[in-house]
Amino acid sequence: MKWYELKLVLQAGMIGVLSVLAYWLVGKGLYFSTAFVILLILGIILFLCRQQMKTIRIMERMISTIRFSDFNLSFHYAGRSSMQRELCRNMDEALASFRDRLYSVEVQQQYYNTLLSTIDFGILVIDQAGNIDWINKAANREFNKPILHHVNELAEVHPELPSLLLTLHPGEIKVLSLEREGVSYEMAITALLFSIRGKDLLLISLKNIRSVLEENEIEAWQKLIRVLTHEIMNSIAPIISLSETVTERAALNGINEKDYRIMLQAMETIHRRSKGLLGFVENYRKLTRIPAPVLKQIPVDELFGDIKKLFLVKENIGFAFRSTPAGLCLMADRTMIEQVLINLIKNACEACGHLSKPEIIVEATLAPNHLPVITISDNGVGILPEVIDKIFVPFFTTKSGGSGIGLSICRQIMNRHGGTISVISEVEKGATFTLHFGTRAVTRPFV
């Protein structure tokens, strides 16, 4: 038994003994002594009540601390009984344990919040009524809405999106076509059902799958081109060799001049067209030979300066190169990005070169997601609506002498950089191509 417990027992026993003594003194008629004993009993009871009130106040402070989560409070030991000191010490230890556990939970919660907020696809949690219980930063950026309370607010993004989210079944995958800043893309939407404290919640993930679809499409085209070029080149090579052999033997063996001249022209035609077809196929093979980019830091102003020098001969075209913020840089393969810019600017020159005041604007800036974008705009003829979805398809071209691989190569290069290329256009008002760079691009100022 602890000392303060023994003291409490002794005080209770003393009250009992004094009560018996007072009763005995009353029986003996010793009233003055009885009054003294009764006062002594009352003093002990008053002392015990004061100690009890102090203990109650300590407990009230402890309850208030837990209620308001103020775990920085401490209990002072000075001027207290041994029992109260022991109680205060135990409470301080309990508060320290609460404080450590609360800090650990807060750190863990902050870790998961940071993790979920930095992933590159959107996540939101909704209840059965459509109220948004939680949403990460990627979803806010995806919808361009910093604050969301209910899924009905997403009708501005797409009229079918609220009903789709409310009727989405766990494990189901839906694909919705959306448009942002004039760029169309596909979003895959999936859901997972879970319950917290008896409340059913739906965790919804939103993933922009445009780049995945583009990669699959490019891979399919590359496989097709590899097969076709392999078979065509295997057929052309013997024809070239045979035409050369026949021509040489005819010259050695000798035939009449007229027949020789006719045969020679035929063989030269076969040889020339075969060589031309070989070069044509070799040109298409470039689509399957895009190497991995060698990423280096490129100051955008320096990149634009070099590109500008290549188009100085276009004196009749007004060029404007702009970059904001100052000192903007890219982490990219310089040769590849130069090739993309040259192809797009060359196309822009062809689109507006016939105008009296042709203009081409090349501008680099930061998108709302803090990733760099480069736009190439012209005031030319624009692109017809019926072909705008086909211009990145290999071999498709609207030019009489075009090969149809320039824009396809541009898209593959951007895809290799973890980015995308898109276009918006209005007939007779021009077109704007936008290069969206991925998370591997560096946007800090160049030092």
Protein backbone atom coordinates (compact mmCIF):
# COMPACT_ATOMS: atom_id res chain seq x y z
CA MET A 1 0.00 0.00 0.00
CA LYS A 2 1.28 3.43 -0.96
CA TRP A 3 1.91 6.12 1.64
CA TYR A 4 -0.93 8.45 0.59
CA GLU A 5 -3.34 5.48 0.68
CA LEU A 6 -2.16 4.63 4.20
CA LYS A 7 -2.67 8.27 5.26
CA LEU A 8 -6.22 8.22 3.95
CA VAL A 9 -6.96 5.02 5.89
CA LEU A 10 -5.45 6.50 9.08
CA GLN A 11 -7.49 9.71 8.68
CA ALA A 12 -10.68 7.71 8.23
CA GLY A 13 -9.76 5.56 11.22
CA MET A 14 -9.04 8.68 13.31
CA ILE A 15 -12.51 10.04 12.49
CA GLY A 16 -14.00 6.74 13.67
CA VAL A 17 -12.00 6.69 16.89
CA LEU A 18 -12.80 10.33 17.67
CA SER A 19 -16.49 9.69 17.03
CA VAL A 20 -16.45 6.82 19.55
CA LEU A 21 -14.54 9.04 22.01
CA ALA A 22 -17.08 11.85 21.62
CA TYR A 23 -19.90 9.41 22.29
CA TRP A 24 -18.14 8.16 25.43
CA LEU A 25 -17.45 11.70 26.68
CA VAL A 26 -21.11 12.65 26.25
CA GLY A 27 -22.05 9.63 28.38
CA LYS A 28 -19.65 10.84 31.11
CA GLY A 29 -21.04 14.35 30.98
CA LEU A 30 -17.75 15.87 29.79
CA TYR A 31 -19.36 18.30 27.34
CA PHE A 32 -16.36 20.62 26.96
CA SER A 33 -14.11 17.71 25.98
CA THR A 34 -16.85 16.41 23.70
CA ALA A 35 -17.06 19.77 21.91
CA PHE A 36 -13.28 19.77 21.44
CA VAL A 37 -13.34 16.26 19.96
CA ILE A 38 -16.23 17.20 17.64
CA LEU A 39 -14.28 20.27 16.42
CA LEU A 40 -11.29 18.02 15.79
CA ILE A 41 -13.47 15.63 13.78
CA LEU A 42 -14.89 18.54 11.75
CA GLY A 43 -11.34 19.81 11.09
CA ILE A 44 -10.27 16.42 9.74
CA ILE A 45 -13.41 16.20 7.58
CA LEU A 46 -12.82 19.77 6.27
CA PHE A 47 -9.21 18.87 5.43
CA LEU A 48 -10.35 15.75 3.56
CA CYS A 49 -13.01 17.77 1.67
CA ARG A 50 -10.43 20.38 0.60
CA GLN A 51 -8.11 17.63 -0.63
CA GLN A 52 -11.01 16.05 -2.47
CA MET A 53 -11.94 19.39 -4.13
CA LYS A 54 -8.33 19.90 -5.24
CA THR A 55 -8.35 16.43 -6.75
CA ILE A 56 -11.67 17.15 -8.51
CA ARG A 57 -10.26 20.41 -9.96
CA ILE A 58 -7.21 18.50 -11.23
CA MET A 59 -9.53 15.99 -12.90
CA GLU A 60 -11.62 18.80 -14.41
CA ARG A 61 -8.48 20.32 -15.91
CA MET A 62 -7.58 16.91 -17.32
CA ILE A 63 -11.05 16.49 -18.87
CA SER A 64 -10.90 20.00 -20.35
CA THR A 65 -7.47 19.25 -21.80
CA ILE A 66 -8.75 16.10 -23.53
CA ARG A 67 -11.93 17.84 -24.74
CA PHE A 68 -10.06 20.72 -26.39
CA SER A 69 -6.96 18.66 -27.36
CA ASP A 70 -4.66 21.05 -25.48
CA PHE A 71 -2.00 18.49 -24.67
CA ASN A 72 0.66 21.11 -23.92
CA LEU A 73 -0.81 21.65 -20.44
CA SER A 74 1.20 20.43 -17.43
CA PHE A 75 0.26 19.94 -13.77
CA HIS A 76 2.40 21.53 -11.06
CA TYR A 77 3.46 19.35 -8.11
CA ALA A 78 4.45 22.04 -5.59
CA GLY A 79 2.11 22.64 -2.64
CA ARG A 80 0.18 19.42 -3.13
CA SER A 81 -0.21 16.29 -1.08
CA SER A 82 1.68 13.16 -2.02
CA MET A 83 -1.49 11.64 -3.48
CA GLN A 84 -2.08 14.70 -5.65
CA ARG A 85 1.56 14.82 -6.70
CA GLU A 86 1.32 11.22 -7.78
CA LEU A 87 -1.92 11.98 -9.65
CA CYS A 88 -0.37 15.03 -11.37
CA ARG A 89 2.67 13.03 -12.37
CA ASN A 90 0.49 10.27 -13.88
CA MET A 91 -1.59 12.86 -15.73
CA ASP A 92 1.52 14.55 -17.14
CA GLU A 93 2.73 11.18 -18.39
CA ALA A 94 -0.70 10.45 -19.92
CA LEU A 95 -0.74 13.86 -21.66
CA ALA A 96 2.78 13.28 -22.99
CA SER A 97 1.65 9.91 -24.37
CA PHE A 98 -1.44 11.54 -25.94
CA ARG A 99 0.74 14.28 -27.40
CA ASP A 100 3.17 11.80 -28.96
CA ARG A 101 0.37 9.71 -30.42
CA LEU A 102 -1.42 12.78 -31.78
CA TYR A 103 1.80 14.03 -33.36
CA SER A 104 2.41 10.61 -34.90
CA VAL A 105 -1.13 10.54 -36.33
CA GLU A 106 -0.78 14.10 -37.67
CA VAL A 107 2.56 13.26 -39.31
CA GLN A 108 1.06 10.15 -40.89
CA GLN A 109 -2.00 12.08 -42.07
CA GLN A 110 0.20 14.81 -43.51
CA TYR A 111 2.29 12.17 -45.27
CA TYR A 112 -0.74 10.56 -46.92
CA ASN A 113 -2.27 13.94 -47.80
CA THR A 114 0.99 15.00 -49.43
CA LEU A 115 1.26 11.65 -51.23
CA LEU A 116 -2.29 11.81 -52.57
CA SER A 117 -1.94 15.47 -53.52
CA THR A 118 1.25 15.00 -55.53
CA ILE A 119 0.22 12.02 -57.67
CA ASP A 120 -0.47 12.95 -61.29
CA PHE A 121 -4.10 11.77 -61.49
CA GLY A 122 -7.22 13.05 -59.78
CA ILE A 123 -8.83 11.44 -56.74
CA LEU A 124 -12.07 12.45 -55.03
CA VAL A 125 -14.24 10.86 -52.36
CA ILE A 126 -18.02 11.31 -52.47
CA ASP A 127 -20.93 10.06 -50.37
CA GLN A 128 -24.20 8.61 -51.64
CA ALA A 129 -25.74 12.09 -51.91
CA GLY A 130 -22.93 13.32 -54.15
CA ASN A 131 -21.25 15.51 -51.53
CA ILE A 132 -17.49 15.69 -52.05
CA ASP A 133 -15.82 14.52 -48.84
CA TRP A 134 -12.22 14.93 -50.06
CA ILE A 135 -10.44 15.88 -53.27
CA ASN A 136 -6.75 16.09 -54.18
CA LYS A 137 -4.94 18.90 -55.98
CA ALA A 138 -4.67 16.96 -59.25
CA ALA A 139 -8.47 16.70 -59.46
CA ASN A 140 -8.83 20.42 -58.72
CA ARG A 141 -6.39 21.18 -61.53
CA GLU A 142 -8.15 18.72 -63.85
CA PHE A 143 -11.49 20.48 -63.35
CA ASN A 144 -9.92 23.95 -62.99
CA LYS A 145 -11.93 24.47 -59.79
CA PRO A 146 -10.02 25.14 -56.54
CA ILE A 147 -13.10 24.52 -54.34
CA LEU A 148 -15.74 21.83 -54.89
CA HIS A 149 -18.54 20.75 -52.54
CA HIS A 150 -20.89 18.66 -54.71
CA VAL A 151 -20.56 16.68 -57.93
CA ASN A 152 -23.32 18.78 -59.52
CA GLU A 153 -20.79 21.63 -59.72
CA LEU A 154 -18.91 19.52 -62.31
CA ALA A 155 -21.70 20.00 -64.85
CA GLU A 156 -19.72 23.02 -66.07
CA VAL A 157 -16.84 20.69 -66.96
CA HIS A 158 -19.11 18.21 -68.78
CA PRO A 159 -22.92 17.97 -68.54
CA GLU A 160 -22.80 14.17 -68.18
CA LEU A 161 -20.05 14.07 -65.54
CA PRO A 162 -22.24 14.45 -62.36
CA SER A 163 -24.68 11.67 -63.36
CA LEU A 164 -21.78 9.45 -64.42
CA LEU A 165 -20.09 9.83 -61.01
CA LEU A 166 -23.33 9.22 -59.09
CA THR A 167 -24.21 6.07 -61.07
CA LEU A 168 -20.69 4.64 -61.29
CA HIS A 169 -20.47 1.14 -59.81
CA PRO A 170 -17.41 -0.07 -57.86
CA GLY A 171 -14.88 -1.70 -60.18
CA GLU A 172 -16.53 -0.24 -63.29
CA ILE A 173 -14.45 1.77 -65.78
CA LYS A 174 -15.95 4.60 -67.79
CA VAL A 175 -14.21 6.71 -70.46
CA LEU A 176 -15.39 10.29 -70.98
CA SER A 177 -14.21 12.72 -73.65
CA LEU A 178 -13.47 16.15 -72.17
CA GLU A 179 -12.08 19.41 -73.48
CA ARG A 180 -9.77 21.83 -71.68
CA GLU A 181 -8.28 24.98 -73.17
CA GLY A 182 -9.42 23.87 -76.61
CA VAL A 183 -7.70 20.47 -76.31
CA SER A 184 -9.77 17.26 -76.38
CA TYR A 185 -8.69 14.29 -74.29
CA GLU A 186 -10.08 11.07 -72.84
CA MET A 187 -10.47 10.48 -69.10
CA ALA A 188 -10.77 7.02 -67.56
CA ILE A 189 -12.97 7.03 -64.43
CA THR A 190 -12.97 4.16 -61.91
CA ALA A 191 -14.50 3.76 -58.45
CA LEU A 192 -13.86 1.89 -55.19
CA LEU A 193 -16.46 1.53 -52.41
CA PHE A 194 -15.38 1.67 -48.76
CA SER A 195 -16.98 2.45 -45.41
CA ILE A 196 -15.80 4.64 -42.51
CA ARG A 197 -17.77 4.71 -39.22
CA GLY A 198 -20.76 3.19 -40.93
CA LYS A 199 -20.76 5.77 -43.74
CA ASP A 200 -20.44 4.42 -47.29
CA LEU A 201 -18.06 6.43 -49.46
CA LEU A 202 -16.99 6.10 -53.08
CA LEU A 203 -13.34 6.73 -53.96
CA ILE A 204 -13.13 7.83 -57.59
CA SER A 205 -9.93 8.03 -59.63
CA LEU A 206 -9.65 10.21 -62.74
CA LYS A 207 -6.88 9.42 -65.21
CA ASN A 208 -6.09 11.30 -68.42
CA ILE A 209 -5.40 8.44 -70.83
CA ARG A 210 -4.71 10.51 -73.93
CA SER A 211 -0.98 9.83 -73.81
CA VAL A 212 -1.60 6.10 -73.30
CA LEU A 213 -3.91 5.96 -76.31
CA GLU A 214 -1.39 7.91 -78.39
CA GLU A 215 1.41 5.54 -77.37
CA ASN A 216 -0.67 2.50 -78.36
CA GLU A 217 -1.63 4.12 -81.66
CA ILE A 218 1.97 5.05 -82.44
CA GLU A 219 3.16 1.55 -81.55
CA ALA A 220 0.54 0.01 -83.85
CA TRP A 221 1.59 2.26 -86.74
CA GLN A 222 5.25 1.49 -86.13
CA LYS A 223 4.63 -2.25 -86.26
CA LEU A 224 2.67 -1.86 -89.49
CA ILE A 225 5.34 0.34 -91.07
CA ARG A 226 8.14 -2.06 -90.08
CA VAL A 227 6.33 -4.96 -91.73
CA LEU A 228 5.46 -3.03 -94.88
CA THR A 229 8.88 -1.47 -95.36
CA HIS A 230 10.61 -4.79 -94.74
CA GLU A 231 8.54 -6.55 -97.40
CA ILE A 232 8.73 -3.68 -99.90
CA MET A 233 12.48 -3.24 -99.56
CA ASN A 234 13.04 -6.97 -99.90
CA SER A 235 11.13 -6.81 -103.21
CA ILE A 236 12.74 -3.63 -104.53
CA ALA A 237 16.36 -4.63 -103.93
CA PRO A 238 16.35 -7.56 -106.43
CA ILE A 239 14.57 -5.38 -109.04
CA ILE A 240 17.29 -2.73 -108.82
CA SER A 241 20.02 -5.34 -109.02
CA LEU A 242 18.36 -7.12 -111.93
CA SER A 243 17.86 -3.92 -113.94
CA GLU A 244 21.54 -3.05 -113.53
CA THR A 245 22.62 -6.57 -114.54
CA VAL A 246 20.40 -6.66 -117.67
CA THR A 247 21.66 -3.25 -118.79
CA GLU A 248 25.31 -4.27 -118.38
CA ARG A 249 24.90 -7.62 -120.21
CA ALA A 250 22.98 -6.06 -123.07
CA ALA A 251 25.83 -3.63 -123.61
CA LEU A 252 28.41 -6.46 -123.56
CA ASN A 253 26.57 -8.99 -125.77
CA GLY A 254 25.40 -6.43 -128.27
CA ILE A 255 21.94 -6.00 -129.81
CA ASN A 256 20.67 -3.65 -132.50
CA GLU A 257 20.79 -0.02 -131.57
CA LYS A 258 17.03 0.56 -131.61
CA ASP A 259 16.21 -2.38 -129.36
CA TYR A 260 19.08 -1.53 -127.09
CA ARG A 261 17.88 2.06 -126.75
CA ILE A 262 14.31 0.94 -125.94
CA MET A 263 15.52 -1.64 -123.42
CA LEU A 264 17.94 0.84 -121.89
CA GLN A 265 15.18 3.40 -121.39
CA ALA A 266 12.96 0.73 -119.81
CA MET A 267 15.72 -0.42 -117.49
CA GLU A 268 16.60 3.15 -116.55
CA THR A 269 12.95 3.83 -115.79
CA ILE A 270 12.72 0.68 -113.66
CA HIS A 271 15.95 1.58 -111.91
CA ARG A 272 14.97 5.20 -111.33
CA ARG A 273 11.47 4.39 -110.02
CA SER A 274 12.82 1.59 -107.86
CA LYS A 275 15.42 3.92 -106.35
CA GLY A 276 12.71 6.53 -105.82
CA LEU A 277 10.44 3.99 -104.15
CA LEU A 278 13.34 2.82 -102.01
CA GLY A 279 13.92 6.39 -100.82
CA PHE A 280 10.18 6.79 -100.27
CA VAL A 281 10.07 3.68 -98.06
CA GLU A 282 13.25 4.72 -96.25
CA ASN A 283 11.58 8.02 -95.44
CA TYR A 284 8.68 6.19 -93.81
CA ARG A 285 11.05 4.02 -91.83
CA LYS A 286 12.05 7.13 -89.92
CA LEU A 287 8.74 6.84 -88.08
CA THR A 288 9.99 3.65 -86.41
CA ARG A 289 13.46 4.97 -85.57
CA ILE A 290 12.77 7.84 -83.15
CA PRO A 291 15.55 7.42 -80.55
CA ALA A 292 15.24 8.07 -76.82
CA PRO A 293 15.78 11.78 -76.10
CA VAL A 294 18.99 12.93 -74.43
CA LEU A 295 17.66 15.42 -71.91
CA LYS A 296 19.63 18.58 -71.24
CA GLN A 297 18.72 21.97 -69.85
CA ILE A 298 17.82 24.36 -72.66
CA PRO A 299 17.26 28.10 -72.14
CA VAL A 300 14.14 28.88 -74.19
CA ASP A 301 15.44 32.30 -75.29
CA GLU A 302 18.58 30.65 -76.68
CA LEU A 303 16.51 27.98 -78.43
CA PHE A 304 14.24 30.59 -80.00
CA GLY A 305 17.26 32.65 -81.08
CA ASP A 306 18.70 29.74 -83.06
CA ILE A 307 15.34 28.91 -84.65
CA LYS A 308 14.81 32.56 -85.60
CA LYS A 309 18.07 32.59 -87.58
CA LEU A 310 16.84 29.74 -89.78
CA PHE A 311 13.82 31.72 -90.96
CA LEU A 312 15.43 35.12 -91.60
CA VAL A 313 15.03 34.52 -95.35
CA LYS A 314 11.25 34.71 -94.92
CA GLU A 315 11.37 38.48 -95.09
CA ASN A 316 7.71 38.89 -95.97
CA ILE A 317 6.52 37.02 -92.85
CA GLY A 318 6.26 38.77 -89.49
CA PHE A 319 7.77 36.55 -86.81
CA ALA A 320 7.35 37.07 -83.06
CA PHE A 321 9.19 34.94 -80.49
CA ARG A 322 8.17 35.40 -76.84
CA SER A 323 9.06 33.66 -73.59
CA THR A 324 7.60 34.19 -70.11
CA PRO A 325 8.68 34.13 -67.35
CA ALA A 326 12.16 35.44 -68.05
CA GLY A 327 14.84 32.76 -68.00
CA LEU A 328 12.42 29.91 -68.72
CA CYS A 329 14.19 26.60 -69.41
CA LEU A 330 13.30 23.16 -70.69
CA MET A 331 14.80 19.78 -69.89
CA ALA A 332 14.65 18.25 -73.35
CA ASP A 333 16.59 16.90 -76.31
CA ARG A 334 17.57 20.07 -78.17
CA THR A 335 17.93 18.46 -81.59
CA MET A 336 14.52 16.80 -81.37
CA ILE A 337 12.70 19.90 -80.12
CA GLU A 338 14.36 22.01 -82.81
CA GLN A 339 13.11 19.53 -85.40
CA VAL A 340 9.56 19.82 -84.04
CA LEU A 341 9.67 23.63 -84.05
CA ILE A 342 11.16 23.76 -87.56
CA ASN A 343 8.46 21.43 -88.92
CA LEU A 344 5.64 23.41 -87.31
CA ILE A 345 7.02 26.84 -88.30
CA LYS A 346 7.62 25.62 -91.86
CA ASN A 347 4.00 24.44 -92.04
CA ALA A 348 2.87 27.79 -90.66
CA CYS A 349 4.90 29.62 -93.33
CA GLU A 350 3.23 27.57 -96.05
CA ALA A 351 -0.20 28.23 -94.54
CA CYS A 352 0.11 32.04 -94.40
CA GLY A 353 2.87 32.87 -96.90
CA HIS A 354 0.39 33.94 -99.59
CA LEU A 355 -1.22 36.63 -97.39
CA SER A 356 -0.40 40.32 -97.63
CA LYS A 357 0.48 40.45 -93.91
CA PRO A 358 1.43 36.95 -92.79
CA GLU A 359 2.19 36.56 -89.08
CA ILE A 360 3.64 33.71 -87.04
CA ILE A 361 3.87 33.86 -83.23
CA VAL A 362 6.01 31.39 -81.26
CA GLU A 363 5.46 31.69 -77.53
CA ALA A 364 6.70 29.74 -74.50
CA THR A 365 5.00 30.05 -71.13
CA LEU A 366 3.86 28.08 -68.10
CA ALA A 367 0.50 26.31 -67.98
CA PRO A 368 -1.70 26.47 -64.84
CA ASN A 369 -0.09 23.19 -63.72
CA HIS A 370 3.33 24.97 -63.83
CA LEU A 371 4.55 22.84 -66.73
CA PRO A 372 5.95 24.55 -69.85
CA VAL A 373 4.03 24.88 -73.10
CA ILE A 374 5.12 26.26 -76.49
CA THR A 375 2.54 27.52 -78.97
CA ILE A 376 3.06 28.17 -82.71
CA SER A 377 0.26 30.32 -84.14
CA ASP A 378 -0.33 31.66 -87.66
CA ASN A 379 -3.01 33.67 -89.41
CA GLY A 380 -3.14 31.40 -92.44
CA VAL A 381 -5.81 29.32 -94.13
CA GLY A 382 -6.42 27.09 -91.12
CA ILE A 383 -7.30 23.40 -91.12
CA LEU A 384 -10.60 22.00 -92.33
CA PRO A 385 -12.74 20.49 -89.51
CA GLU A 386 -13.08 17.18 -91.33
CA VAL A 387 -9.31 16.59 -91.44
CA ILE A 388 -8.12 18.13 -88.16
CA ASP A 389 -8.40 14.77 -86.37
CA LYS A 390 -6.27 13.05 -89.04
CA ILE A 391 -3.29 15.37 -89.39
CA PHE A 392 -1.17 13.41 -86.88
CA VAL A 393 -1.90 10.07 -88.56
CA PRO A 394 1.15 8.70 -90.44
CA PHE A 395 1.04 9.19 -94.25
CA PHE A 396 -1.99 11.50 -94.11
CA THR A 397 -1.37 14.81 -95.88
CA THR A 398 -3.33 17.60 -97.54
CA LYS A 399 -0.29 18.77 -99.55
CA SER A 400 0.24 17.60 -103.11
CA GLY A 401 3.92 16.88 -102.51
CA GLY A 402 3.74 16.02 -98.80
CA SER A 403 4.91 12.75 -97.27
CA GLY A 404 2.51 12.78 -94.33
CA ILE A 405 5.14 12.00 -91.72
CA GLY A 406 6.16 15.45 -90.42
CA LEU A 407 3.40 15.95 -87.85
CA SER A 408 3.46 12.26 -86.94
CA ILE A 409 7.17 12.56 -86.12
CA CYS A 410 6.42 15.70 -84.08
CA ARG A 411 3.87 13.80 -82.03
CA GLN A 412 6.25 10.89 -81.46
CA ILE A 413 9.01 13.25 -80.32
CA MET A 414 6.66 14.95 -77.85
CA ASN A 415 5.48 11.55 -76.69
CA ARG A 416 9.11 10.54 -76.09
CA HIS A 417 9.47 13.64 -73.89
CA GLY A 418 6.45 12.65 -71.80
CA GLY A 419 4.35 15.40 -73.41
CA THR A 420 1.71 15.88 -76.09
CA ILE A 421 0.97 18.03 -79.12
CA SER A 422 -2.46 19.46 -79.93
CA VAL A 423 -4.00 21.85 -82.44
CA ILE A 424 -6.93 24.23 -82.63
CA SER A 425 -7.88 25.92 -85.87
CA GLU A 426 -10.48 28.06 -87.60
CA VAL A 427 -10.73 28.09 -91.37
CA GLU A 428 -9.30 31.27 -92.94
CA LYS A 429 -8.23 32.53 -89.49
CA GLY A 430 -5.23 30.35 -88.79
CA ALA A 431 -4.11 27.51 -86.57
CA THR A 432 -2.34 27.14 -83.23
CA PHE A 433 -0.21 24.10 -82.41
CA THR A 434 0.57 23.63 -78.72
CA LEU A 435 3.44 21.56 -77.33
CA HIS A 436 2.57 20.39 -73.81
CA PHE A 437 5.69 19.24 -71.97
CA GLY A 438 5.51 16.57 -69.27
CA THR A 439 6.75 16.49 -65.68
CA ARG A 440 10.33 15.83 -66.82
CA ALA A 441 10.56 19.38 -68.18
CA VAL A 442 12.45 21.91 -66.06
CA THR A 443 10.79 25.28 -65.63
CA ARG A 444 13.14 27.03 -63.27
CA PRO A 445 15.11 30.03 -64.55
CA PHE A 446 18.42 29.27 -66.15
CA VAL A 447 21.42 30.37 -64.10
